[in-house]
């Protein structure tokens, strides 16, 4: 059972909307009395029921419990992720190239210093 939280009953009523308690209960495979008891604040939904409700209505468990005002779960957008990943990768490669260039320049400077110290006999 999810922790006792009076907000669950209000959020459940909001999600149920125009559906009867019986129709809502049937949708989730429970009896109408279960929904009635939850909406009266006399019972809490099981974790399983709460999870199925959240999945069906694309809401977070935190929202259902009243711990968050953000209802919708953000959908994962593979294209947006890919674009950000490639952008970072491109910047990373540019930085890597710059580091290699600076290392090469330092190597040349050090080699020149070392060669200038060599005495030719």
C-alpha atoms as a PDB file:
ATOM      1  CA  UNK A   1       0.000   0.000   0.000  1.00  0.00           C
ATOM      2  CA  UNK A   2       1.242   3.492  -0.710  1.00  0.00           C
ATOM      3  CA  UNK A   3       1.709   5.756   2.325  1.00  0.00           C
ATOM      4  CA  UNK A   4      -1.394   7.360   3.782  1.00  0.00           C
ATOM      5  CA  UNK A   5      -1.964  10.594   1.961  1.00  0.00           C
ATOM      6  CA  UNK A   6      -5.252  12.459   1.797  1.00  0.00           C
ATOM      7  CA  UNK A   7      -4.278  13.876  -1.608  1.00  0.00           C
ATOM      8  CA  UNK A   8      -4.576  10.453  -3.228  1.00  0.00           C
ATOM      9  CA  UNK A   9      -8.351  10.525  -2.891  1.00  0.00           C
ATOM     10  CA  UNK A  10      -8.611  13.928  -4.578  1.00  0.00           C
ATOM     11  CA  UNK A  11      -6.192  13.025  -7.349  1.00  0.00           C
ATOM     12  CA  UNK A  12      -8.010   9.748  -7.987  1.00  0.00           C
ATOM     13  CA  UNK A  13     -11.319  11.604  -8.300  1.00  0.00           C
ATOM     14  CA  UNK A  14      -9.678  14.002 -10.750  1.00  0.00           C
ATOM     15  CA  UNK A  15      -8.347  11.163 -12.887  1.00  0.00           C
ATOM     16  CA  UNK A  16     -11.618   9.269 -12.799  1.00  0.00           C
ATOM     17  CA  UNK A  17     -13.418  12.308 -14.195  1.00  0.00           C
ATOM     18  CA  UNK A  18     -16.832  11.385 -15.600  1.00  0.00           C
ATOM     19  CA  UNK A  19     -16.307   7.646 -15.230  1.00  0.00           C
ATOM     20  CA  UNK A  20     -18.331   5.935 -12.554  1.00  0.00           C
ATOM     21  CA  UNK A  21     -16.422   4.286  -9.745  1.00  0.00           C
ATOM     22  CA  UNK A  22     -17.582   0.927 -11.120  1.00  0.00           C
ATOM     23  CA  UNK A  23     -16.305   1.676 -14.633  1.00  0.00           C
ATOM     24  CA  UNK A  24     -13.009   3.011 -13.277  1.00  0.00           C
ATOM     25  CA  UNK A  25     -12.614  -0.040 -11.042  1.00  0.00           C
ATOM     26  CA  UNK A  26     -13.327  -2.419 -13.909  1.00  0.00           C
ATOM     27  CA  UNK A  27     -10.699  -0.699 -16.026  1.00  0.00           C
ATOM     28  CA  UNK A  28      -8.094  -1.593 -13.398  1.00  0.00           C
ATOM     29  CA  UNK A  29      -9.430  -4.979 -12.380  1.00  0.00           C
ATOM     30  CA  UNK A  30     -10.611  -4.053  -8.905  1.00  0.00           C
ATOM     31  CA  UNK A  31     -14.052  -3.788  -7.345  1.00  0.00           C
ATOM     32  CA  UNK A  32     -15.921  -0.494  -7.116  1.00  0.00           C
ATOM     33  CA  UNK A  33     -15.779  -0.620  -3.318  1.00  0.00           C
ATOM     34  CA  UNK A  34     -11.979  -0.313  -3.537  1.00  0.00           C
ATOM     35  CA  UNK A  35     -12.235   2.921  -5.528  1.00  0.00           C
ATOM     36  CA  UNK A  36     -14.966   4.197  -3.208  1.00  0.00           C
ATOM     37  CA  UNK A  37     -12.845   3.516  -0.115  1.00  0.00           C
ATOM     38  CA  UNK A  38      -9.816   5.216  -1.656  1.00  0.00           C
ATOM     39  CA  UNK A  39     -11.850   8.287  -2.624  1.00  0.00           C
ATOM     40  CA  UNK A  40     -13.253   8.485   0.914  1.00  0.00           C
ATOM     41  CA  UNK A  41      -9.725   8.345   2.320  1.00  0.00           C
ATOM     42  CA  UNK A  42     -10.456   5.085   4.159  1.00  0.00           C
ATOM     43  CA  UNK A  43      -8.096   2.970   2.090  1.00  0.00           C
ATOM     44  CA  UNK A  44      -4.961   3.523   0.078  1.00  0.00           C
ATOM     45  CA  UNK A  45      -4.371   1.971  -3.337  1.00  0.00           C
ATOM     46  CA  UNK A  46      -1.912  -0.894  -3.487  1.00  0.00           C
ATOM     47  CA  UNK A  47       1.412  -0.150  -5.166  1.00  0.00           C
ATOM     48  CA  UNK A  48       0.302  -2.262  -8.097  1.00  0.00           C
ATOM     49  CA  UNK A  49      -2.966  -0.356  -8.542  1.00  0.00           C
ATOM     50  CA  UNK A  50      -1.255   3.008  -8.106  1.00  0.00           C
ATOM     51  CA  UNK A  51       1.375   2.075 -10.685  1.00  0.00           C
ATOM     52  CA  UNK A  52      -1.222   0.934 -13.216  1.00  0.00           C
ATOM     53  CA  UNK A  53      -3.191   4.166 -12.689  1.00  0.00           C
ATOM     54  CA  UNK A  54      -0.036   6.237 -13.214  1.00  0.00           C
ATOM     55  CA  UNK A  55       0.841   4.329 -16.367  1.00  0.00           C
ATOM     56  CA  UNK A  56      -2.676   4.682 -17.779  1.00  0.00           C
ATOM     57  CA  UNK A  57      -2.883   8.428 -17.118  1.00  0.00           C
ATOM     58  CA  UNK A  58       0.799   9.247 -17.729  1.00  0.00           C
ATOM     59  CA  UNK A  59       1.177  10.767 -14.292  1.00  0.00           C
ATOM     60  CA  UNK A  60       3.889  10.342 -11.713  1.00  0.00           C
ATOM     61  CA  UNK A  61       3.485   8.482  -8.449  1.00  0.00           C
ATOM     62  CA  UNK A  62       4.592  11.675  -6.698  1.00  0.00           C
ATOM     63  CA  UNK A  63       1.743  13.590  -8.324  1.00  0.00           C
ATOM     64  CA  UNK A  64      -0.795  10.888  -7.428  1.00  0.00           C
ATOM     65  CA  UNK A  65       0.325  11.061  -3.801  1.00  0.00           C
ATOM     66  CA  UNK A  66       0.225  14.856  -3.778  1.00  0.00           C
ATOM     67  CA  UNK A  67       3.978  15.273  -3.382  1.00  0.00           C
ATOM     68  CA  UNK A  68       4.357  17.086  -6.688  1.00  0.00           C
ATOM     69  CA  UNK A  69       2.337  19.513  -8.755  1.00  0.00           C
ATOM     70  CA  UNK A  70       3.871  18.207 -11.977  1.00  0.00           C
ATOM     71  CA  UNK A  71       1.369  15.706 -13.307  1.00  0.00           C
ATOM     72  CA  UNK A  72       2.702  14.626 -16.685  1.00  0.00           C
ATOM     73  CA  UNK A  73       5.718  12.416 -17.019  1.00  0.00           C
ATOM     74  CA  UNK A  74       8.068  13.778 -19.648  1.00  0.00           C
ATOM     75  CA  UNK A  75       8.347  11.445 -22.586  1.00  0.00           C
ATOM     76  CA  UNK A  76      11.799  10.316 -23.591  1.00  0.00           C
ATOM     77  CA  UNK A  77      12.699  11.933 -26.885  1.00  0.00           C
ATOM     78  CA  UNK A  78      15.406   9.876 -28.569  1.00  0.00           C
ATOM     79  CA  UNK A  79      16.008  12.458 -31.298  1.00  0.00           C
ATOM     80  CA  UNK A  80      16.527  15.277 -28.811  1.00  0.00           C
ATOM     81  CA  UNK A  81      18.872  13.070 -26.799  1.00  0.00           C
ATOM     82  CA  UNK A  82      20.762  12.072 -29.935  1.00  0.00           C
ATOM     83  CA  UNK A  83      21.127  15.723 -31.007  1.00  0.00           C
ATOM     84  CA  UNK A  84      22.490  16.720 -27.589  1.00  0.00           C
ATOM     85  CA  UNK A  85      24.801  13.701 -27.522  1.00  0.00           C
ATOM     86  CA  UNK A  86      26.263  14.447 -30.948  1.00  0.00           C
ATOM     87  CA  UNK A  87      26.620  18.121 -30.080  1.00  0.00           C
ATOM     88  CA  UNK A  88      28.577  17.225 -26.943  1.00  0.00           C
ATOM     89  CA  UNK A  89      30.598  14.660 -28.850  1.00  0.00           C
ATOM     90  CA  UNK A  90      31.461  17.224 -31.499  1.00  0.00           C
ATOM     91  CA  UNK A  91      32.553  19.729 -28.847  1.00  0.00           C
ATOM     92  CA  UNK A  92      34.484  16.993 -27.084  1.00  0.00           C
ATOM     93  CA  UNK A  93      36.287  16.036 -30.288  1.00  0.00           C
ATOM     94  CA  UNK A  94      37.111  19.661 -30.976  1.00  0.00           C
ATOM     95  CA  UNK A  95      38.531  19.975 -27.462  1.00  0.00           C
ATOM     96  CA  UNK A  96      40.468  16.728 -27.869  1.00  0.00           C
ATOM     97  CA  UNK A  97      41.928  18.008 -31.158  1.00  0.00           C
ATOM     98  CA  UNK A  98      42.946  21.275 -29.505  1.00  0.00           C
ATOM     99  CA  UNK A  99      44.630  19.423 -26.628  1.00  0.00           C
ATOM    100  CA  UNK A 100      46.568  17.242 -29.084  1.00  0.00           C
ATOM    101  CA  UNK A 101      47.638  20.342 -31.007  1.00  0.00           C
ATOM    102  CA  UNK A 102      48.858  22.033 -27.806  1.00  0.00           C
ATOM    103  CA  UNK A 103      50.718  18.879 -26.738  1.00  0.00           C
ATOM    104  CA  UNK A 104      52.440  18.762 -30.120  1.00  0.00           C
ATOM    105  CA  UNK A 105      53.401  22.426 -29.826  1.00  0.00           C
ATOM    106  CA  UNK A 106      54.804  21.852 -26.335  1.00  0.00           C
ATOM    107  CA  UNK A 107      56.749  18.849 -27.574  1.00  0.00           C
ATOM    108  CA  UNK A 108      58.269  20.935 -30.368  1.00  0.00           C
ATOM    109  CA  UNK A 109      59.179  23.705 -27.916  1.00  0.00           C
ATOM    110  CA  UNK A 110      60.785  21.215 -25.517  1.00  0.00           C
ATOM    111  CA  UNK A 111      62.653  19.487 -28.326  1.00  0.00           C
ATOM    112  CA  UNK A 112      63.977  22.832 -29.565  1.00  0.00           C
ATOM    113  CA  UNK A 113      65.158  23.734 -26.062  1.00  0.00           C
ATOM    114  CA  UNK A 114      66.877  20.380 -25.669  1.00  0.00           C
ATOM    115  CA  UNK A 115      68.540  20.605 -29.080  1.00  0.00           C
ATOM    116  CA  UNK A 116      69.806  24.083 -28.350  1.00  0.00           C
ATOM    117  CA  UNK A 117      71.599  22.715 -25.256  1.00  0.00           C
ATOM    118  CA  UNK A 118      73.456  20.069 -27.243  1.00  0.00           C
ATOM    119  CA  UNK A 119      77.008  21.003 -27.951  1.00  0.00           C
ATOM    120  CA  UNK A 120      78.339  20.102 -31.317  1.00  0.00           C
ATOM    121  CA  UNK A 121      82.010  19.062 -31.206  1.00  0.00           C
END
